Amino acid sequence: MEIKTITIVGTGNVAWHLGQAFTSAGIKVLHIAGRDVEKAQQLSENFKSSSFGDLNTDMPETDVFLLAVKDDVIRTIAEKVYKPGRILVHCAGAIGADILHMPDNHYGVIWPMQTLIKQNAIDLKETLVAVSASSPELQDALKNLVSKITNRVIKVNDAQRAIMHLSAVWINNYTNHMYDIAYHLLKENDLPMELFFPMMDEHLSKLKTMNPDLLQTGPAIRGDMATLSKHKTMLEKHPDWQQLYDTLSKSILHKYLNK
């Protein structure tokens, strides 16, 4: 099975980036569909698609229908696109592939582990993309398709992809929230966050060769209760951050000192 043509359903960030990447790799985007016909037309012109329209437009047959839509509407959109024999693929990390299961169809997932924003043009060559499918043959076909736009493709099942998504939230989303807290604390005291960039770079560099638990430092792992108490006092004007600090400190104390 070789995938040579796709139809993209959706006009947002993921649709824009994947459509651009596949077009550049020689994969023909036959049709663009979306709730906003004007946006569908714009993408159609960018990708030199043969046609475009809203979700009720009759879509031409293609090798794969790529549903680049929000998680909570995947099933609804899939039911609009579905016809027996069609291959439906969504792009969500936390949603199982079988949400696309209907009589006599094949389905899968292409999930790029990357924050994709239209205004931020990026080369997907080093972006990790996880693929799942309803059959080994389709999973191989999706892997071959994605290999045209990135050097990093991994075949996973739904459970593995869900864990990857959860881990990505810890590694990227929650860590960024802590960066944001530090940024505002520093700003309140007329200090630039740039002071900490070398430390951030060094830690990330070490993570490439060392396990995270070997890199843990700070007052909690030392059991320095006086410093922990002082820090909590300093956060009294920010009770949400104070609670988060306390929760994380207790987690570290429990893991390393059984306190």
Protein backbone atom coordinates (compact mmCIF):
# COMPACT_ATOMS: atom_id res chain seq x y z
CA MET A 1 0.00 0.00 0.00
CA GLU A 2 1.39 3.39 -1.02
CA ILE A 3 -0.24 6.68 -0.11
CA LYS A 4 0.10 9.22 -2.90
CA THR A 5 -2.88 11.53 -2.33
CA ILE A 6 -4.63 12.97 0.71
CA THR A 7 -7.64 15.09 1.55
CA ILE A 8 -7.25 17.37 4.56
CA VAL A 9 -10.26 18.08 6.74
CA GLY A 10 -9.52 21.11 8.89
CA THR A 11 -8.01 24.55 8.34
CA GLY A 12 -6.05 25.18 11.55
CA ASN A 13 -2.41 24.97 12.59
CA VAL A 14 -1.95 21.22 12.12
CA ALA A 15 -3.68 21.26 8.74
CA TRP A 16 -1.47 24.12 7.57
CA HIS A 17 1.83 22.58 8.66
CA LEU A 18 1.15 19.00 7.57
CA GLY A 19 -0.37 20.14 4.29
CA GLN A 20 2.66 22.31 3.58
CA ALA A 21 5.06 19.51 4.46
CA PHE A 22 3.27 16.85 2.40
CA THR A 23 2.95 19.18 -0.60
CA SER A 24 6.67 19.97 -0.45
CA ALA A 25 7.37 16.21 -0.29
CA GLY A 26 5.40 15.54 -3.46
CA ILE A 27 2.21 14.18 -1.84
CA LYS A 28 -0.82 15.55 -3.67
CA VAL A 29 -3.43 17.29 -1.50
CA LEU A 30 -6.54 16.72 -3.59
CA HIS A 31 -9.10 18.54 -1.47
CA ILE A 32 -9.38 20.83 1.55
CA ALA A 33 -12.54 20.80 3.66
CA GLY A 34 -13.46 22.92 6.67
CA ARG A 35 -16.22 24.81 8.41
CA ASP A 36 -14.71 28.08 7.17
CA VAL A 37 -14.81 27.88 3.38
CA GLU A 38 -12.67 31.00 2.99
CA LYS A 39 -9.86 29.41 5.01
CA ALA A 40 -10.29 26.17 3.05
CA GLN A 41 -9.85 28.11 -0.15
CA GLN A 42 -6.71 29.82 1.15
CA LEU A 43 -5.16 26.48 2.05
CA SER A 44 -6.26 25.03 -1.26
CA GLU A 45 -4.38 27.78 -3.08
CA ASN A 46 -1.29 27.25 -0.90
CA PHE A 47 -1.27 23.51 -1.54
CA LYS A 48 -2.41 23.75 -5.17
CA SER A 49 -5.35 21.48 -4.35
CA SER A 50 -7.84 20.49 -7.02
CA SER A 51 -10.85 21.52 -4.91
CA PHE A 52 -12.10 22.82 -1.58
CA GLY A 53 -15.36 23.26 0.29
CA ASP A 54 -17.27 23.00 3.56
CA LEU A 55 -17.88 19.77 5.45
CA ASN A 56 -21.02 19.03 3.43
CA THR A 57 -19.24 19.28 0.08
CA ASP A 58 -18.89 16.01 -1.81
CA MET A 59 -15.23 15.13 -1.41
CA PRO A 60 -13.28 13.37 -4.15
CA GLU A 61 -11.93 9.89 -3.37
CA THR A 62 -8.34 9.91 -2.16
CA ASP A 63 -5.91 7.51 -0.52
CA VAL A 64 -6.30 9.03 2.97
CA PHE A 65 -8.65 11.50 4.63
CA LEU A 66 -6.61 13.38 7.23
CA LEU A 67 -8.78 14.82 10.00
CA ALA A 68 -6.75 17.72 11.39
CA VAL A 69 -9.48 18.91 13.78
CA LYS A 70 -9.97 19.47 17.51
CA ASP A 71 -10.09 16.37 19.70
CA ASP A 72 -13.69 16.86 20.79
CA VAL A 73 -15.09 16.88 17.25
CA ILE A 74 -13.08 14.02 15.73
CA ARG A 75 -15.94 11.52 15.86
CA THR A 76 -18.50 14.03 14.58
CA ILE A 77 -16.33 15.00 11.62
CA ALA A 78 -15.42 11.38 10.94
CA GLU A 79 -19.09 10.49 10.60
CA LYS A 80 -19.50 13.27 8.01
CA VAL A 81 -16.48 12.09 6.00
CA TYR A 82 -17.05 8.34 6.34
CA LYS A 83 -17.90 6.09 3.44
CA PRO A 84 -17.23 2.34 3.35
CA GLY A 85 -13.64 1.64 2.33
CA ARG A 86 -12.31 5.11 3.10
CA ILE A 87 -9.16 5.43 5.21
CA LEU A 88 -9.65 7.99 8.01
CA VAL A 89 -6.69 9.32 10.01
CA HIS A 90 -6.74 11.79 12.90
CA CYS A 91 -3.85 13.79 14.41
CA ALA A 92 -4.55 13.73 18.17
CA GLY A 93 -2.13 12.34 20.73
CA ALA A 94 -4.61 11.54 23.51
CA ILE A 95 -7.44 10.04 21.42
CA GLY A 96 -7.50 6.37 20.46
CA ALA A 97 -7.48 5.38 16.81
CA ASP A 98 -10.66 3.36 17.21
CA ILE A 99 -12.73 6.53 17.55
CA LEU A 100 -12.64 6.39 13.76
CA HIS A 101 -13.89 2.79 13.59
CA MET A 102 -16.99 2.32 11.44
CA PRO A 103 -18.29 -0.52 9.26
CA ASP A 104 -15.87 -1.54 6.51
CA ASN A 105 -13.27 1.17 6.98
CA HIS A 106 -9.61 1.44 7.89
CA TYR A 107 -8.25 4.08 10.25
CA GLY A 108 -5.15 5.38 11.95
CA VAL A 109 -3.33 8.22 13.69
CA ILE A 110 -0.54 10.57 12.65
CA TRP A 111 0.49 12.56 15.75
CA PRO A 112 3.30 15.13 15.43
CA MET A 113 4.91 15.80 18.83
CA GLN A 114 5.36 19.47 18.15
CA THR A 115 3.57 22.73 18.93
CA LEU A 116 2.43 23.87 15.50
CA ILE A 117 1.52 27.51 14.90
CA LYS A 118 0.79 28.92 11.45
CA GLN A 119 2.88 32.03 11.99
CA ASN A 120 5.87 29.91 13.02
CA ALA A 121 7.29 28.23 9.92
CA ILE A 122 9.31 25.20 10.98
CA ASP A 123 11.04 22.31 9.28
CA LEU A 124 9.40 19.10 10.48
CA LYS A 125 12.45 16.97 9.62
CA GLU A 126 13.42 16.53 13.28
CA THR A 127 9.89 16.40 14.66
CA LEU A 128 8.94 13.07 16.23
CA VAL A 129 5.74 11.70 14.69
CA ALA A 130 3.91 8.70 16.19
CA VAL A 131 1.76 6.55 13.90
CA SER A 132 -0.89 3.96 14.77
CA ALA A 133 -3.35 2.10 12.58
CA SER A 134 -6.08 -0.52 12.45
CA SER A 135 -3.79 -2.94 10.60
CA PRO A 136 -0.04 -3.54 10.30
CA GLU A 137 -0.25 -2.85 6.57
CA LEU A 138 -1.81 0.57 7.07
CA GLN A 139 0.59 1.39 9.89
CA ASP A 140 3.52 0.66 7.57
CA ALA A 141 1.92 2.80 4.86
CA LEU A 142 1.43 5.71 7.26
CA LYS A 143 5.01 5.36 8.47
CA ASN A 144 6.27 5.48 4.89
CA LEU A 145 4.09 8.53 4.22
CA VAL A 146 5.32 10.41 7.28
CA SER A 147 8.93 9.45 6.53
CA LYS A 148 8.70 11.78 3.55
CA ILE A 149 8.38 14.80 5.87
CA THR A 150 10.43 13.80 8.93
CA ASN A 151 13.43 11.67 9.87
CA ARG A 152 11.83 10.64 13.16
CA VAL A 153 8.84 8.29 12.95
CA ILE A 154 7.78 5.73 15.55
CA LYS A 155 5.11 3.04 15.29
CA VAL A 156 3.11 2.78 18.53
CA ASN A 157 -0.17 1.39 19.81
CA ASP A 158 -2.88 3.55 21.39
CA ALA A 159 -1.70 2.91 24.96
CA GLN A 160 1.89 3.86 24.13
CA ARG A 161 0.79 7.02 22.34
CA ALA A 162 -1.38 8.02 25.32
CA ILE A 163 1.63 7.66 27.64
CA MET A 164 3.74 9.69 25.22
CA HIS A 165 1.09 12.40 25.26
CA LEU A 166 0.93 12.41 29.08
CA SER A 167 4.73 12.55 29.27
CA ALA A 168 4.82 15.42 26.78
CA VAL A 169 2.50 17.37 29.07
CA TRP A 170 4.91 16.87 31.99
CA ILE A 171 8.03 17.56 29.92
CA ASN A 172 6.79 20.54 27.93
CA ASN A 173 3.50 22.04 29.13
CA TYR A 174 3.95 21.85 32.90
CA THR A 175 7.62 22.74 32.72
CA ASN A 176 6.74 25.80 30.66
CA HIS A 177 4.19 26.82 33.30
CA MET A 178 6.98 26.72 35.89
CA TYR A 179 9.14 28.83 33.57
CA ASP A 180 6.27 31.30 33.45
CA ILE A 181 6.05 31.43 37.26
CA ALA A 182 9.80 32.07 37.52
CA TYR A 183 9.56 34.72 34.79
CA HIS A 184 6.92 36.67 36.71
CA LEU A 185 8.71 36.34 40.05
CA LEU A 186 11.87 37.70 38.46
CA LYS A 187 9.98 40.48 36.68
CA GLU A 188 8.36 41.56 39.96
CA ASN A 189 11.87 42.04 41.32
CA ASP A 190 13.41 43.73 38.26
CA LEU A 191 15.46 40.72 37.23
CA PRO A 192 15.70 39.29 33.68
CA MET A 193 15.01 35.63 32.97
CA GLU A 194 18.01 35.63 30.63
CA LEU A 195 20.18 35.17 33.72
CA PHE A 196 18.99 31.57 33.89
CA PHE A 197 19.36 30.57 30.23
CA PRO A 198 22.85 29.01 30.68
CA MET A 199 21.58 26.92 33.59
CA MET A 200 18.55 25.79 31.55
CA ASP A 201 20.75 24.89 28.58
CA GLU A 202 23.18 22.96 30.79
CA HIS A 203 20.40 20.94 32.43
CA LEU A 204 18.88 20.01 29.08
CA SER A 205 22.30 18.98 27.81
CA LYS A 206 22.83 16.70 30.81
CA LEU A 207 19.41 15.09 30.34
CA LYS A 208 20.63 13.69 27.03
CA THR A 209 23.13 11.44 28.81
CA MET A 210 21.87 11.13 32.41
CA ASN A 211 18.65 9.98 34.07
CA PRO A 212 16.59 12.83 35.57
CA ASP A 213 16.71 11.41 39.10
CA LEU A 214 20.51 11.74 39.04
CA LEU A 215 20.17 15.45 38.26
CA GLN A 216 17.74 16.36 41.02
CA THR A 217 19.07 19.12 43.28
CA GLY A 218 17.56 21.74 45.57
CA PRO A 219 16.36 22.09 49.15
CA ALA A 220 13.75 19.31 48.98
CA ILE A 221 16.19 16.52 48.05
CA ARG A 222 18.49 17.75 50.86
CA GLY A 223 15.63 17.77 53.34
CA ASP A 224 16.29 21.46 53.99
CA MET A 225 12.97 22.22 55.66
CA ALA A 226 14.05 25.72 56.74
CA THR A 227 14.62 26.82 53.14
CA LEU A 228 11.40 25.17 51.97
CA SER A 229 9.50 27.05 54.67
CA LYS A 230 11.19 30.33 53.71
CA HIS A 231 10.32 29.88 50.04
CA LYS A 232 6.68 29.17 50.88
CA THR A 233 6.58 32.38 52.92
CA MET A 234 8.00 34.31 49.97
CA LEU A 235 5.10 33.03 47.83
CA GLU A 236 2.33 34.21 50.15
CA LYS A 237 1.17 36.80 47.60
CA HIS A 238 0.71 33.97 45.10
CA PRO A 239 -1.26 31.23 46.90
CA ASP A 240 -1.66 29.06 43.78
CA TRP A 241 2.09 29.06 43.20
CA GLN A 242 2.67 28.45 46.91
CA GLN A 243 0.44 25.38 46.79
CA LEU A 244 2.21 24.10 43.68
CA TYR A 245 5.62 24.62 45.32
CA ASP A 246 4.44 22.71 48.38
CA THR A 247 3.06 19.82 46.31
CA LEU A 248 6.25 19.46 44.27
CA SER A 249 8.44 19.70 47.39
CA LYS A 250 6.44 16.95 49.09
CA SER A 251 6.75 14.74 46.01
CA ILE A 252 10.56 15.12 46.02
CA LEU A 253 10.79 14.61 49.78
CA HIS A 254 8.69 11.45 49.50
CA LYS A 255 10.73 10.01 46.64
CA TYR A 256 14.21 10.69 47.91
CA LEU A 257 13.89 10.95 51.70
CA ASN A 258 10.63 9.07 52.36
CA LYS A 259 9.24 12.08 54.23
